[in-house]
C-alpha atoms as a PDB file:
ATOM      1  CA  MET A   1      -5.390  -0.950 -11.715  1.00  0.00           C
ATOM      2  CA  VAL A   2      -2.579   0.223  -9.712  1.00  0.00           C
ATOM      3  CA  ARG A   3       0.860   0.866 -11.900  1.00  0.00           C
ATOM      4  CA  VAL A   4       3.751  -1.652 -10.561  1.00  0.00           C
ATOM      5  CA  ARG A   5       7.408  -0.914 -11.618  1.00  0.00           C
ATOM      6  CA  ARG A   6       8.906  -3.893 -10.193  1.00  0.00           C
ATOM      7  CA  THR A   7       9.251  -6.766 -10.771  1.00  0.00           C
ATOM      8  CA  LEU A   8       7.075  -9.899  -8.932  1.00  0.00           C
ATOM      9  CA  PHE A   9       9.123 -11.393  -6.534  1.00  0.00           C
ATOM     10  CA  SER A  10       6.653 -13.281  -4.294  1.00  0.00           C
ATOM     11  CA  GLY A  11       4.912 -14.648  -7.054  1.00  0.00           C
ATOM     12  CA  VAL A  12       1.558 -12.616  -6.631  1.00  0.00           C
ATOM     13  CA  SER A  13      -0.105 -10.445  -9.262  1.00  0.00           C
ATOM     14  CA  ALA A  14      -0.029  -6.629  -8.286  1.00  0.00           C
ATOM     15  CA  PHE A  15      -3.655  -7.286  -9.280  1.00  0.00           C
ATOM     16  CA  GLU A  16      -3.936  -9.361  -5.869  1.00  0.00           C
ATOM     17  CA  GLU A  17      -1.232  -7.375  -4.535  1.00  0.00           C
ATOM     18  CA  SER A  18      -3.981  -4.343  -4.370  1.00  0.00           C
ATOM     19  CA  GLU A  19      -6.739  -6.576  -3.991  1.00  0.00           C
ATOM     20  CA  ILE A  20      -4.653  -7.378  -0.298  1.00  0.00           C
ATOM     21  CA  VAL A  21      -3.765  -4.339   0.103  1.00  0.00           C
ATOM     22  CA  VAL A  22      -7.152  -2.925   0.321  1.00  0.00           C
ATOM     23  CA  GLU A  23      -9.216  -5.522   2.289  1.00  0.00           C
ATOM     24  CA  ALA A  24      -6.707  -5.199   5.112  1.00  0.00           C
ATOM     25  CA  TYR A  25      -7.264  -1.360   5.030  1.00  0.00           C
ATOM     26  CA  LYS A  26     -10.623  -2.111   5.683  1.00  0.00           C
ATOM     27  CA  ARG A  27     -10.300  -4.742   8.125  1.00  0.00           C
ATOM     28  CA  PHE A  28      -7.860  -3.097  10.108  1.00  0.00           C
ATOM     29  CA  LYS A  29      -8.492   0.801   9.395  1.00  0.00           C
ATOM     30  CA  PHE A  30      -4.118   1.574   9.786  1.00  0.00           C
ATOM     31  CA  GLY A  31      -2.453   3.840   7.721  1.00  0.00           C
ATOM     32  CA  ALA A  32       0.587   2.403   5.380  1.00  0.00           C
ATOM     33  CA  GLY A  33       3.194   2.348   7.703  1.00  0.00           C
ATOM     34  CA  MET A  34       1.264  -0.623  10.150  1.00  0.00           C
ATOM     35  CA  LEU A  35      -0.112  -2.394   7.146  1.00  0.00           C
ATOM     36  CA  GLU A  36       3.056  -3.047   6.032  1.00  0.00           C
ATOM     37  CA  VAL A  37       3.984  -5.073   8.935  1.00  0.00           C
ATOM     38  CA  ILE A  38       0.840  -6.577   9.205  1.00  0.00           C
ATOM     39  CA  ILE A  39       0.916  -7.819   5.531  1.00  0.00           C
ATOM     40  CA  ARG A  40       4.237  -9.315   6.207  1.00  0.00           C
ATOM     41  CA  ILE A  41       2.923 -11.165   8.952  1.00  0.00           C
ATOM     42  CA  ARG A  42      -0.880 -12.370   8.273  1.00  0.00           C
ATOM     43  CA  TYR A  43      -0.610 -12.602   4.353  1.00  0.00           C
ATOM     44  CA  GLU A  44       3.283 -13.765   4.273  1.00  0.00           C
ATOM     45  CA  LEU A  45       3.674 -10.886   1.641  1.00  0.00           C
ATOM     46  CA  SER A  46       6.193  -7.694   1.739  1.00  0.00           C
ATOM     47  CA  VAL A  47       4.773  -4.982   0.259  1.00  0.00           C
ATOM     48  CA  SER A  48       6.436  -1.341   1.338  1.00  0.00           C
ATOM     49  CA  HIS A  49       4.586   1.455   2.530  1.00  0.00           C
ATOM     50  CA  ASN A  50       5.326   3.801  -0.550  1.00  0.00           C
ATOM     51  CA  HIS A  51       3.788   1.216  -2.481  1.00  0.00           C
ATOM     52  CA  ILE A  52       0.450   0.546  -0.042  1.00  0.00           C
ATOM     53  CA  HIS A  53       0.251   4.554   0.435  1.00  0.00           C
ATOM     54  CA  ARG A  54      -0.422   4.557  -3.981  1.00  0.00           C
ATOM     55  CA  CYS A  55      -2.328   1.724  -3.752  1.00  0.00           C
ATOM     56  CA  LEU A  56      -4.722   3.577  -0.830  1.00  0.00           C
ATOM     57  CA  MET A  57      -4.598   6.409  -2.926  1.00  0.00           C
ATOM     58  CA  TYR A  58      -5.669   5.493  -6.428  1.00  0.00           C
ATOM     59  CA  HIS A  59      -8.777   3.745  -4.714  1.00  0.00           C
ATOM     60  CA  GLY A  60      -9.239   6.260  -2.494  1.00  0.00           C
ATOM     61  CA  LEU A  61      -8.826   5.263   0.925  1.00  0.00           C
ATOM     62  CA  GLY A  62      -5.558   7.512   1.767  1.00  0.00           C
ATOM     63  CA  ARG A  63      -5.485  11.336   1.992  1.00  0.00           C
ATOM     64  CA  ALA A  64      -1.742  13.243   1.054  1.00  0.00           C
ATOM     65  CA  GLU A  65      -0.871  15.264   3.377  1.00  0.00           C
ATOM     66  CA  GLU A  66      -0.381  18.484   2.204  1.00  0.00           C
ATOM     67  CA  SER A  67       2.761  19.692   4.514  1.00  0.00           C
ATOM     68  CA  LYS A  68       4.291  16.598   3.041  1.00  0.00           C
ATOM     69  CA  ARG A  69       4.494  18.320  -0.184  1.00  0.00           C
ATOM     70  CA  LYS A  70       5.784  21.582  -0.266  1.00  0.00           C
ATOM     71  CA  GLN A  71       8.802  22.311  -0.848  1.00  0.00           C
ATOM     72  CA  ARG A  72      10.823  23.760   2.124  1.00  0.00           C
ATOM     73  CA  LYS A  73      14.256  25.599   0.546  1.00  0.00           C
END
């Protein structure tokens, strides 16, 4: 599923983590920053907003902002 480059600290597999992120998104319809807080409180799981955004992008639920992707120099 989603490629994870970090070790597991919470004992939750990458697949379960990805399922939690998608479930939380479908329930609350917030972005990665707010989902980070919701997942930490409701599921007692610490997941960074960058990882949440990658999961959402993989499942087609997030979108990339082109203005943030271009080089400014």
